[in-house]
């Protein structure tokens, strides 16, 4: 409790990241999106890349994130953020391009774009919010909804015999050769928030260093569509989501990629 109070006090006294606008977030109270949006802003500030960063905004709860980031931003059609990010990065490789996506956007309609951008090793950073439900459109079952989970379109619980099992995105992508870094984090406690920021920072630093595709999955809550208070939603997340979506680093070959680039550079100089 003391740590939580101290952290909240520091946050209240901390200036808003320069790379965020003064626009009030449109997220529901208790949702993890607000925390993650700020963490991304803090990372952009710390790396000093605001002037060359491009946000690719999805269809979903963060559909108006272009209002929140004081960077260039592009709105992508539903699920197409990785394709849009690829186009921007290839046209302007000097830009730092990140896609900010939810589970319906990334793991459903955008799964093909996600897999192919990852397997190509595109030098982009993906922030993936997994709250096990379609948030903005009213709480339908998502590819990440848990077995037995009640949603608007699975009122008797997700039946895996009919609709299959939830997709574990970072585990899937970590099998692809083109992926440099894949980690799953959450933001339910101050300690986890700090770990999430560290992961996001690494994902952006990898892109700055030209190391290829990085994805950070954030297990988050959706109090509104889960029908729970913010506190109870975090309890539900810990009791139900984290056992199915374990936190941790699933792939990290950043150091190997840096060594390869350094060796190639030395060879070119010779």
Protein backbone atom coordinates (compact mmCIF):
# COMPACT_ATOMS: atom_id res chain seq x y z
CA UNK A 1 0.00 0.00 0.00
CA UNK A 2 2.85 2.40 0.86
CA UNK A 3 4.50 1.75 -2.52
CA UNK A 4 1.20 2.33 -4.34
CA UNK A 5 0.63 5.63 -2.52
CA UNK A 6 4.17 6.82 -3.16
CA UNK A 7 3.94 5.88 -6.84
CA UNK A 8 0.61 7.67 -7.22
CA UNK A 9 2.09 10.77 -5.58
CA UNK A 10 5.08 10.76 -7.90
CA UNK A 11 2.80 10.32 -10.92
CA UNK A 12 0.60 13.21 -9.81
CA UNK A 13 3.68 15.42 -9.48
CA UNK A 14 5.25 14.28 -12.73
CA UNK A 15 4.85 16.55 -15.74
CA UNK A 16 2.83 15.28 -18.66
CA UNK A 17 5.17 13.78 -21.28
CA UNK A 18 6.04 16.36 -23.91
CA UNK A 19 5.12 13.92 -26.65
CA UNK A 20 1.52 13.82 -25.38
CA UNK A 21 -0.94 16.59 -26.12
CA UNK A 22 -3.19 18.23 -23.53
CA UNK A 23 -6.18 16.30 -24.89
CA UNK A 24 -8.07 14.37 -22.21
CA UNK A 25 -7.99 10.62 -22.77
CA UNK A 26 -11.27 9.11 -23.96
CA UNK A 27 -10.68 5.72 -22.32
CA UNK A 28 -13.05 4.31 -19.72
CA UNK A 29 -12.09 4.73 -16.08
CA UNK A 30 -9.86 1.92 -14.84
CA UNK A 31 -8.79 0.84 -18.32
CA UNK A 32 -5.13 0.06 -18.90
CA UNK A 33 -5.02 2.05 -22.15
CA UNK A 34 -4.41 5.31 -20.31
CA UNK A 35 -1.41 3.90 -18.46
CA UNK A 36 0.12 2.41 -21.60
CA UNK A 37 -0.49 5.55 -23.66
CA UNK A 38 1.41 7.57 -21.08
CA UNK A 39 4.23 5.01 -20.90
CA UNK A 40 4.70 5.25 -24.66
CA UNK A 41 4.81 9.05 -24.33
CA UNK A 42 7.44 8.83 -21.58
CA UNK A 43 9.57 6.49 -23.69
CA UNK A 44 9.39 8.78 -26.72
CA UNK A 45 10.50 11.69 -24.54
CA UNK A 46 13.37 9.76 -22.96
CA UNK A 47 14.70 8.61 -26.33
CA UNK A 48 14.37 12.12 -27.78
CA UNK A 49 12.54 10.88 -30.88
CA UNK A 50 9.33 12.90 -30.78
CA UNK A 51 10.15 14.87 -33.92
CA UNK A 52 10.62 11.76 -36.03
CA UNK A 53 8.03 9.38 -34.55
CA UNK A 54 4.89 8.29 -36.40
CA UNK A 55 2.02 6.64 -34.57
CA UNK A 56 -0.18 4.25 -36.51
CA UNK A 57 -3.60 4.31 -34.86
CA UNK A 58 -6.08 1.41 -35.16
CA UNK A 59 -9.82 0.94 -35.10
CA UNK A 60 -10.80 0.21 -31.51
CA UNK A 61 -10.68 1.87 -28.10
CA UNK A 62 -7.58 3.82 -29.12
CA UNK A 63 -9.07 4.96 -32.42
CA UNK A 64 -8.55 8.62 -31.45
CA UNK A 65 -5.01 8.18 -30.17
CA UNK A 66 -3.87 10.61 -32.88
CA UNK A 67 -5.34 13.27 -30.58
CA UNK A 68 -3.16 12.11 -27.68
CA UNK A 69 0.29 11.91 -29.26
CA UNK A 70 2.07 15.13 -30.22
CA UNK A 71 3.73 13.28 -33.07
CA UNK A 72 2.78 12.56 -36.64
CA UNK A 73 0.02 9.96 -36.78
CA UNK A 74 -1.86 7.94 -39.37
CA UNK A 75 -5.25 6.27 -38.92
CA UNK A 76 -5.28 2.73 -40.31
CA UNK A 77 -8.26 0.72 -41.49
CA UNK A 78 -9.33 -2.04 -39.12
CA UNK A 79 -6.46 -4.50 -38.70
CA UNK A 80 -4.20 -2.86 -41.26
CA UNK A 81 -1.86 -1.02 -38.89
CA UNK A 82 1.13 -3.33 -39.57
CA UNK A 83 0.73 -2.85 -43.33
CA UNK A 84 0.45 0.93 -42.94
CA UNK A 85 3.43 0.97 -40.57
CA UNK A 86 5.43 -1.08 -43.07
CA UNK A 87 4.68 1.37 -45.87
CA UNK A 88 5.67 4.38 -43.79
CA UNK A 89 8.87 2.77 -42.53
CA UNK A 90 9.97 1.65 -45.97
CA UNK A 91 9.22 5.05 -47.49
CA UNK A 92 10.83 6.92 -44.60
CA UNK A 93 13.30 4.58 -42.85
CA UNK A 94 14.54 7.54 -40.78
CA UNK A 95 11.18 7.65 -38.96
CA UNK A 96 10.37 5.71 -35.79
CA UNK A 97 7.06 4.01 -36.51
CA UNK A 98 4.89 2.27 -33.96
CA UNK A 99 1.50 0.57 -34.24
CA UNK A 100 -0.80 0.73 -31.20
CA UNK A 101 -3.43 -2.01 -31.46
CA UNK A 102 -6.06 -3.90 -29.50
CA UNK A 103 -6.78 -7.62 -29.63
CA UNK A 104 -9.74 -7.39 -32.01
CA UNK A 105 -7.73 -5.21 -34.38
CA UNK A 106 -4.46 -7.13 -34.22
CA UNK A 107 -5.46 -10.73 -33.53
CA UNK A 108 -8.70 -10.94 -35.53
CA UNK A 109 -9.09 -8.96 -38.73
CA UNK A 110 -5.43 -7.94 -38.69
CA UNK A 111 -3.82 -11.30 -37.96
CA UNK A 112 -2.55 -11.78 -41.52
CA UNK A 113 -0.91 -8.34 -41.53
CA UNK A 114 0.55 -9.01 -38.09
CA UNK A 115 2.08 -12.36 -39.00
CA UNK A 116 3.52 -11.23 -42.31
CA UNK A 117 5.01 -7.99 -40.95
CA UNK A 118 6.58 -10.03 -38.16
CA UNK A 119 7.96 -12.77 -40.40
CA UNK A 120 9.44 -10.16 -42.74
CA UNK A 121 11.21 -8.64 -39.75
CA UNK A 122 9.92 -5.14 -40.45
CA UNK A 123 11.79 -2.58 -38.36
CA UNK A 124 8.70 -1.39 -36.49
CA UNK A 125 7.44 -1.48 -32.90
CA UNK A 126 4.01 -2.89 -32.03
CA UNK A 127 2.17 -2.17 -28.79
CA UNK A 128 -0.58 -4.76 -28.38
CA UNK A 129 -3.34 -4.37 -25.76
CA UNK A 130 -4.97 -7.68 -24.82
CA UNK A 131 -8.11 -7.27 -22.70
CA UNK A 132 -9.79 -10.47 -23.90
CA UNK A 133 -12.77 -8.70 -25.45
CA UNK A 134 -13.86 -6.26 -28.15
CA UNK A 135 -14.00 -3.04 -26.14
CA UNK A 136 -15.19 -0.18 -28.34
CA UNK A 137 -17.96 -2.10 -30.13
CA UNK A 138 -19.76 -3.35 -27.05
CA UNK A 139 -18.05 -6.38 -25.58
CA UNK A 140 -18.16 -9.12 -28.20
CA UNK A 141 -15.97 -12.21 -27.98
CA UNK A 142 -12.43 -11.61 -29.26
CA UNK A 143 -9.77 -14.07 -30.45
CA UNK A 144 -8.22 -13.63 -27.00
CA UNK A 145 -11.41 -14.24 -24.97
CA UNK A 146 -10.84 -17.04 -22.48
CA UNK A 147 -12.49 -20.47 -22.56
CA UNK A 148 -15.87 -20.14 -20.88
CA UNK A 149 -15.71 -16.33 -20.84
CA UNK A 150 -19.11 -14.66 -21.09
CA UNK A 151 -19.34 -11.87 -23.67
CA UNK A 152 -22.09 -10.26 -25.71
CA UNK A 153 -21.65 -12.87 -28.43
CA UNK A 154 -20.91 -15.79 -26.10
CA UNK A 155 -23.62 -15.39 -23.43
CA UNK A 156 -23.13 -18.97 -22.25
CA UNK A 157 -19.35 -18.68 -22.26
CA UNK A 158 -16.78 -19.26 -24.99
CA UNK A 159 -17.25 -22.80 -26.27
CA UNK A 160 -13.89 -23.95 -27.60
CA UNK A 161 -15.54 -26.87 -29.42
CA UNK A 162 -17.42 -24.37 -31.58
CA UNK A 163 -15.06 -21.41 -31.91
CA UNK A 164 -11.65 -22.76 -30.99
CA UNK A 165 -9.15 -21.68 -28.37
CA UNK A 166 -7.81 -18.20 -27.57
CA UNK A 167 -4.75 -17.08 -29.50
CA UNK A 168 -1.56 -16.52 -27.54
CA UNK A 169 -0.06 -13.86 -29.78
CA UNK A 170 3.49 -13.44 -28.47
CA UNK A 171 4.00 -17.19 -28.22
CA UNK A 172 2.89 -17.51 -31.85
CA UNK A 173 5.03 -14.67 -33.15
CA UNK A 174 8.08 -15.73 -31.17
CA UNK A 175 8.37 -18.77 -33.43
CA UNK A 176 8.97 -16.56 -36.47
CA UNK A 177 12.54 -15.95 -37.58
CA UNK A 178 11.87 -12.30 -38.39
CA UNK A 179 10.90 -11.36 -34.84
CA UNK A 180 13.63 -9.74 -32.73
CA UNK A 181 11.78 -9.14 -29.47
CA UNK A 182 8.46 -10.36 -28.03
CA UNK A 183 7.43 -9.79 -24.43
CA UNK A 184 4.17 -9.91 -22.46
CA UNK A 185 3.63 -7.47 -19.60
CA UNK A 186 0.75 -6.01 -17.61
CA UNK A 187 -0.01 -2.77 -15.74
CA UNK A 188 -2.01 -3.91 -12.70
CA UNK A 189 0.57 -2.87 -10.08
CA UNK A 190 3.29 -0.20 -9.82
CA UNK A 191 5.97 -2.88 -10.17
CA UNK A 192 4.34 -4.25 -13.31
CA UNK A 193 3.97 -0.73 -14.72
CA UNK A 194 7.72 -0.23 -14.34
CA UNK A 195 8.41 -3.54 -16.09
CA UNK A 196 5.99 -2.61 -18.87
CA UNK A 197 7.79 0.68 -19.44
CA UNK A 198 11.13 -1.11 -19.57
CA UNK A 199 9.75 -3.46 -22.23
CA UNK A 200 8.28 -0.61 -24.28
CA UNK A 201 11.56 1.27 -24.05
CA UNK A 202 13.40 -1.78 -25.34
CA UNK A 203 10.95 -2.19 -28.21
CA UNK A 204 11.52 1.40 -29.31
CA UNK A 205 15.29 1.26 -28.76
CA UNK A 206 15.46 -1.83 -30.96
CA UNK A 207 13.88 0.12 -33.78
CA UNK A 208 16.19 3.10 -33.25
CA UNK A 209 19.11 0.67 -33.54
CA UNK A 210 17.66 -0.97 -36.67
CA UNK A 211 17.18 -4.39 -35.12
CA UNK A 212 13.84 -5.33 -36.67
CA UNK A 213 10.38 -6.28 -35.42
CA UNK A 214 9.46 -5.88 -31.75
CA UNK A 215 6.09 -6.54 -30.10
CA UNK A 216 5.06 -5.80 -26.53
CA UNK A 217 1.78 -7.38 -25.47
CA UNK A 218 0.08 -5.72 -22.50
CA UNK A 219 -2.50 -7.80 -20.64
CA UNK A 220 -5.09 -5.23 -19.64
CA UNK A 221 -8.52 -4.95 -18.06
CA UNK A 222 -11.86 -3.79 -19.48
CA UNK A 223 -14.04 -2.89 -16.47
CA UNK A 224 -16.87 -1.56 -18.64
CA UNK A 225 -17.43 -4.66 -20.77
CA UNK A 226 -16.47 -7.10 -18.05
CA UNK A 227 -19.13 -5.51 -15.84
CA UNK A 228 -16.71 -5.00 -12.95
CA UNK A 229 -15.27 -2.13 -10.94
CA UNK A 230 -11.68 -1.20 -11.82
CA UNK A 231 -10.37 -2.92 -8.67
CA UNK A 232 -12.41 -6.08 -9.27
CA UNK A 233 -11.33 -6.03 -12.92
CA UNK A 234 -7.67 -6.16 -11.89
CA UNK A 235 -8.52 -9.06 -9.56
CA UNK A 236 -10.22 -10.88 -12.45
CA UNK A 237 -7.22 -10.21 -14.67
CA UNK A 238 -4.84 -11.71 -12.13
CA UNK A 239 -7.05 -14.71 -11.39
CA UNK A 240 -8.07 -15.55 -14.96
CA UNK A 241 -5.96 -13.88 -17.63
CA UNK A 242 -2.44 -14.17 -16.25
CA UNK A 243 -2.62 -17.97 -15.79
CA UNK A 244 -3.62 -18.27 -19.48
CA UNK A 245 -1.34 -15.45 -20.68
CA UNK A 246 1.83 -15.77 -18.56
CA UNK A 247 4.04 -12.71 -18.36
CA UNK A 248 7.60 -12.80 -19.59
CA UNK A 249 10.05 -12.48 -22.47
CA UNK A 250 9.21 -14.97 -25.19
CA UNK A 251 11.95 -14.01 -27.61
CA UNK A 252 14.85 -11.59 -27.44
CA UNK A 253 17.69 -11.73 -29.94
CA UNK A 254 18.43 -8.00 -29.70
CA UNK A 255 22.06 -8.52 -28.64
CA UNK A 256 22.67 -10.97 -31.48
CA UNK A 257 21.21 -8.50 -33.96
CA UNK A 258 23.42 -5.70 -32.60
CA UNK A 259 26.47 -7.91 -32.93
CA UNK A 260 25.53 -8.74 -36.53
CA UNK A 261 25.12 -5.06 -37.39
CA UNK A 262 28.41 -4.16 -35.73
CA UNK A 263 30.22 -6.94 -37.60
CA UNK A 264 28.69 -5.86 -40.90
CA UNK A 265 29.68 -2.26 -40.23
CA UNK A 266 33.26 -3.24 -39.42
CA UNK A 267 33.41 -5.32 -42.59
CA UNK A 268 32.16 -2.42 -44.69
CA UNK A 269 34.73 -0.06 -43.15
CA UNK A 270 37.52 -2.52 -43.85
